[in-house]
Amino acid sequence: MRVYAQQGDTIDALCHRHLGRTAGMVEQVLELNYGISLHGPILPMGTAVELPAPSPLTSGAVARPLLQLWD
């Protein structure tokens, strides 16, 4: 998925906004976008950034069984 940096965006901010987490995502973004680190920590506005495809685990939600207090 291709996104474009807004003013003051960092790679981890883009990951958090579009993928819902940053753990492990920032490294994948750096691999997908060769040379993007040359821009520094704050990306120039309008920089195209390729993000990894979102996976079910990307949302951060964990499916847990429903707990019933009273049956």
N, C-alpha and C. Protein backbone atom coordinates (compact mmCIF):
# COMPACT_ATOMS: atom_id res chain seq x y z
N MET A 1 0.85 -1.16 0.00
CA MET A 1 0.00 0.00 0.00
C MET A 1 0.91 1.24 0.00
N ARG A 2 0.61 2.16 -0.89
CA ARG A 2 1.41 3.38 -1.00
C ARG A 2 0.67 4.52 -0.30
N VAL A 3 1.39 5.21 0.60
CA VAL A 3 0.85 6.38 1.29
C VAL A 3 1.82 7.54 1.08
N TYR A 4 1.36 8.73 1.37
CA TYR A 4 2.18 9.92 1.21
C TYR A 4 2.30 10.64 2.54
N ALA A 5 3.52 11.06 2.85
CA ALA A 5 3.80 11.70 4.12
C ALA A 5 3.13 13.06 4.20
N GLN A 6 2.58 13.34 5.36
CA GLN A 6 2.04 14.67 5.64
C GLN A 6 3.12 15.47 6.35
N GLN A 7 2.84 16.72 6.60
CA GLN A 7 3.84 17.58 7.23
C GLN A 7 4.20 17.04 8.61
N GLY A 8 5.49 16.85 8.85
CA GLY A 8 6.00 16.41 10.14
C GLY A 8 5.92 14.91 10.37
N ASP A 9 5.58 14.13 9.35
CA ASP A 9 5.45 12.68 9.52
C ASP A 9 6.80 12.00 9.66
N THR A 10 6.81 10.95 10.45
CA THR A 10 7.94 10.04 10.55
C THR A 10 7.47 8.67 10.08
N ILE A 11 8.38 7.75 9.87
CA ILE A 11 8.00 6.42 9.41
C ILE A 11 7.16 5.72 10.47
N ASP A 12 7.52 5.85 11.73
CA ASP A 12 6.73 5.19 12.76
C ASP A 12 5.34 5.80 12.88
N ALA A 13 5.19 7.11 12.64
CA ALA A 13 3.86 7.73 12.66
C ALA A 13 3.00 7.19 11.53
N LEU A 14 3.58 7.02 10.35
CA LEU A 14 2.84 6.44 9.22
C LEU A 14 2.40 5.01 9.53
N CYS A 15 3.30 4.23 10.11
CA CYS A 15 2.97 2.85 10.46
C CYS A 15 1.84 2.81 11.47
N HIS A 16 1.91 3.66 12.48
CA HIS A 16 0.87 3.67 13.50
C HIS A 16 -0.47 4.11 12.92
N ARG A 17 -0.46 5.12 12.07
CA ARG A 17 -1.69 5.65 11.50
C ARG A 17 -2.36 4.66 10.55
N HIS A 18 -1.58 4.02 9.69
CA HIS A 18 -2.16 3.19 8.64
C HIS A 18 -2.20 1.70 8.97
N LEU A 19 -1.28 1.24 9.81
CA LEU A 19 -1.21 -0.20 10.12
C LEU A 19 -1.63 -0.52 11.54
N GLY A 20 -1.69 0.49 12.40
CA GLY A 20 -2.15 0.26 13.77
C GLY A 20 -1.07 -0.14 14.75
N ARG A 21 0.15 -0.30 14.29
CA ARG A 21 1.25 -0.64 15.19
C ARG A 21 2.57 -0.28 14.54
N THR A 22 3.63 -0.25 15.35
CA THR A 22 4.95 0.06 14.82
C THR A 22 5.94 -1.08 15.03
N ALA A 23 5.66 -1.96 15.97
CA ALA A 23 6.58 -3.06 16.28
C ALA A 23 6.78 -3.95 15.06
N GLY A 24 7.99 -3.97 14.56
CA GLY A 24 8.33 -4.78 13.41
C GLY A 24 7.96 -4.17 12.06
N MET A 25 7.10 -3.17 12.07
CA MET A 25 6.65 -2.55 10.83
C MET A 25 7.67 -1.56 10.28
N VAL A 26 8.30 -0.79 11.15
CA VAL A 26 9.27 0.21 10.71
C VAL A 26 10.41 -0.45 9.95
N GLU A 27 10.87 -1.59 10.45
CA GLU A 27 11.95 -2.30 9.78
C GLU A 27 11.52 -2.76 8.39
N GLN A 28 10.29 -3.24 8.27
CA GLN A 28 9.79 -3.68 6.97
C GLN A 28 9.67 -2.52 6.00
N VAL A 29 9.23 -1.36 6.50
CA VAL A 29 9.12 -0.17 5.65
C VAL A 29 10.50 0.25 5.15
N LEU A 30 11.49 0.20 6.01
CA LEU A 30 12.84 0.56 5.60
C LEU A 30 13.37 -0.39 4.53
N GLU A 31 13.00 -1.68 4.62
CA GLU A 31 13.42 -2.64 3.60
C GLU A 31 12.70 -2.41 2.28
N LEU A 32 11.42 -2.05 2.34
CA LEU A 32 10.63 -1.83 1.12
C LEU A 32 11.00 -0.54 0.40
N ASN A 33 11.51 0.44 1.12
CA ASN A 33 11.79 1.77 0.56
C ASN A 33 13.27 2.07 0.67
N TYR A 34 14.03 1.52 -0.27
CA TYR A 34 15.48 1.71 -0.26
C TYR A 34 15.81 3.20 -0.32
N GLY A 35 16.66 3.65 0.60
CA GLY A 35 17.14 5.03 0.60
C GLY A 35 16.23 6.03 1.30
N ILE A 36 15.11 5.59 1.84
CA ILE A 36 14.20 6.54 2.48
C ILE A 36 14.82 7.13 3.75
N SER A 37 15.74 6.40 4.36
CA SER A 37 16.38 6.90 5.58
C SER A 37 17.28 8.11 5.30
N LEU A 38 17.62 8.33 4.04
CA LEU A 38 18.44 9.49 3.69
C LEU A 38 17.71 10.81 3.91
N HIS A 39 16.37 10.76 4.02
CA HIS A 39 15.58 11.96 4.28
C HIS A 39 15.70 12.42 5.73
N GLY A 40 16.16 11.55 6.61
CA GLY A 40 16.23 11.88 8.02
C GLY A 40 14.99 11.39 8.75
N PRO A 41 14.88 11.73 10.03
CA PRO A 41 13.76 11.21 10.82
C PRO A 41 12.40 11.76 10.40
N ILE A 42 12.35 13.01 9.97
CA ILE A 42 11.09 13.62 9.53
C ILE A 42 11.07 13.65 8.01
N LEU A 43 10.07 12.98 7.45
CA LEU A 43 9.98 12.87 5.99
C LEU A 43 9.47 14.17 5.38
N PRO A 44 9.99 14.54 4.22
CA PRO A 44 9.44 15.70 3.52
C PRO A 44 7.98 15.46 3.14
N MET A 45 7.19 16.50 3.20
CA MET A 45 5.77 16.38 2.89
C MET A 45 5.60 15.89 1.45
N GLY A 46 4.73 14.90 1.26
CA GLY A 46 4.46 14.36 -0.06
C GLY A 46 5.34 13.18 -0.45
N THR A 47 6.25 12.77 0.42
CA THR A 47 7.11 11.63 0.12
C THR A 47 6.27 10.36 0.03
N ALA A 48 6.40 9.63 -1.08
CA ALA A 48 5.68 8.37 -1.25
C ALA A 48 6.38 7.29 -0.44
N VAL A 49 5.60 6.57 0.35
CA VAL A 49 6.13 5.50 1.19
C VAL A 49 5.32 4.24 0.94
N GLU A 50 6.01 3.17 0.60
CA GLU A 50 5.36 1.88 0.39
C GLU A 50 5.30 1.16 1.74
N LEU A 51 4.09 0.82 2.18
CA LEU A 51 3.90 0.11 3.44
C LEU A 51 3.63 -1.36 3.14
N PRO A 52 4.01 -2.26 4.07
CA PRO A 52 3.73 -3.67 3.86
C PRO A 52 2.21 -3.92 3.88
N ALA A 53 1.80 -4.98 3.22
CA ALA A 53 0.38 -5.32 3.18
C ALA A 53 -0.11 -5.58 4.60
N PRO A 54 -1.25 -5.00 4.97
CA PRO A 54 -1.76 -5.23 6.32
C PRO A 54 -2.16 -6.69 6.51
N SER A 55 -1.82 -7.23 7.64
CA SER A 55 -2.18 -8.61 7.96
C SER A 55 -3.21 -8.58 9.09
N PRO A 56 -3.87 -9.68 9.34
CA PRO A 56 -4.86 -9.70 10.42
C PRO A 56 -4.26 -9.33 11.77
N LEU A 57 -2.98 -9.64 11.99
CA LEU A 57 -2.34 -9.30 13.25
C LEU A 57 -1.94 -7.84 13.32
N THR A 58 -1.95 -7.13 12.20
CA THR A 58 -1.51 -5.74 12.16
C THR A 58 -2.41 -4.84 12.98
N SER A 59 -3.68 -5.17 13.08
CA SER A 59 -4.61 -4.30 13.78
C SER A 59 -4.33 -4.24 15.27
N GLY A 60 -3.59 -5.21 15.80
CA GLY A 60 -3.28 -5.23 17.21
C GLY A 60 -4.37 -5.91 18.04
N ALA A 61 -5.51 -6.20 17.43
CA ALA A 61 -6.59 -6.86 18.14
C ALA A 61 -6.32 -8.35 18.23
N VAL A 62 -6.57 -8.90 19.40
CA VAL A 62 -6.38 -10.32 19.62
C VAL A 62 -7.74 -10.94 19.86
N ALA A 63 -8.06 -11.98 19.11
CA ALA A 63 -9.33 -12.67 19.30
C ALA A 63 -9.25 -13.51 20.56
N ARG A 64 -10.14 -13.21 21.48
CA ARG A 64 -10.18 -13.96 22.74
C ARG A 64 -11.59 -14.49 22.93
N PRO A 65 -11.73 -15.63 23.60
CA PRO A 65 -13.07 -16.15 23.83
C PRO A 65 -13.85 -15.22 24.75
N LEU A 66 -15.15 -15.16 24.51
CA LEU A 66 -16.02 -14.31 25.30
C LEU A 66 -16.14 -14.87 26.72
N LEU A 67 -15.96 -14.02 27.69
CA LEU A 67 -16.03 -14.42 29.09
C LEU A 67 -17.40 -14.04 29.63
N GLN A 68 -18.15 -15.04 30.09
CA GLN A 68 -19.47 -14.81 30.66
C GLN A 68 -19.36 -14.89 32.18
N LEU A 69 -19.72 -13.82 32.87
CA LEU A 69 -19.66 -13.83 34.33
C LEU A 69 -20.82 -14.61 34.92
N TRP A 70 -21.99 -14.50 34.28
CA TRP A 70 -23.17 -15.23 34.76
C TRP A 70 -23.75 -16.02 33.61
N ASP A 71 -23.91 -17.31 33.79
CA ASP A 71 -24.51 -18.17 32.76
C ASP A 71 -25.92 -18.51 33.10
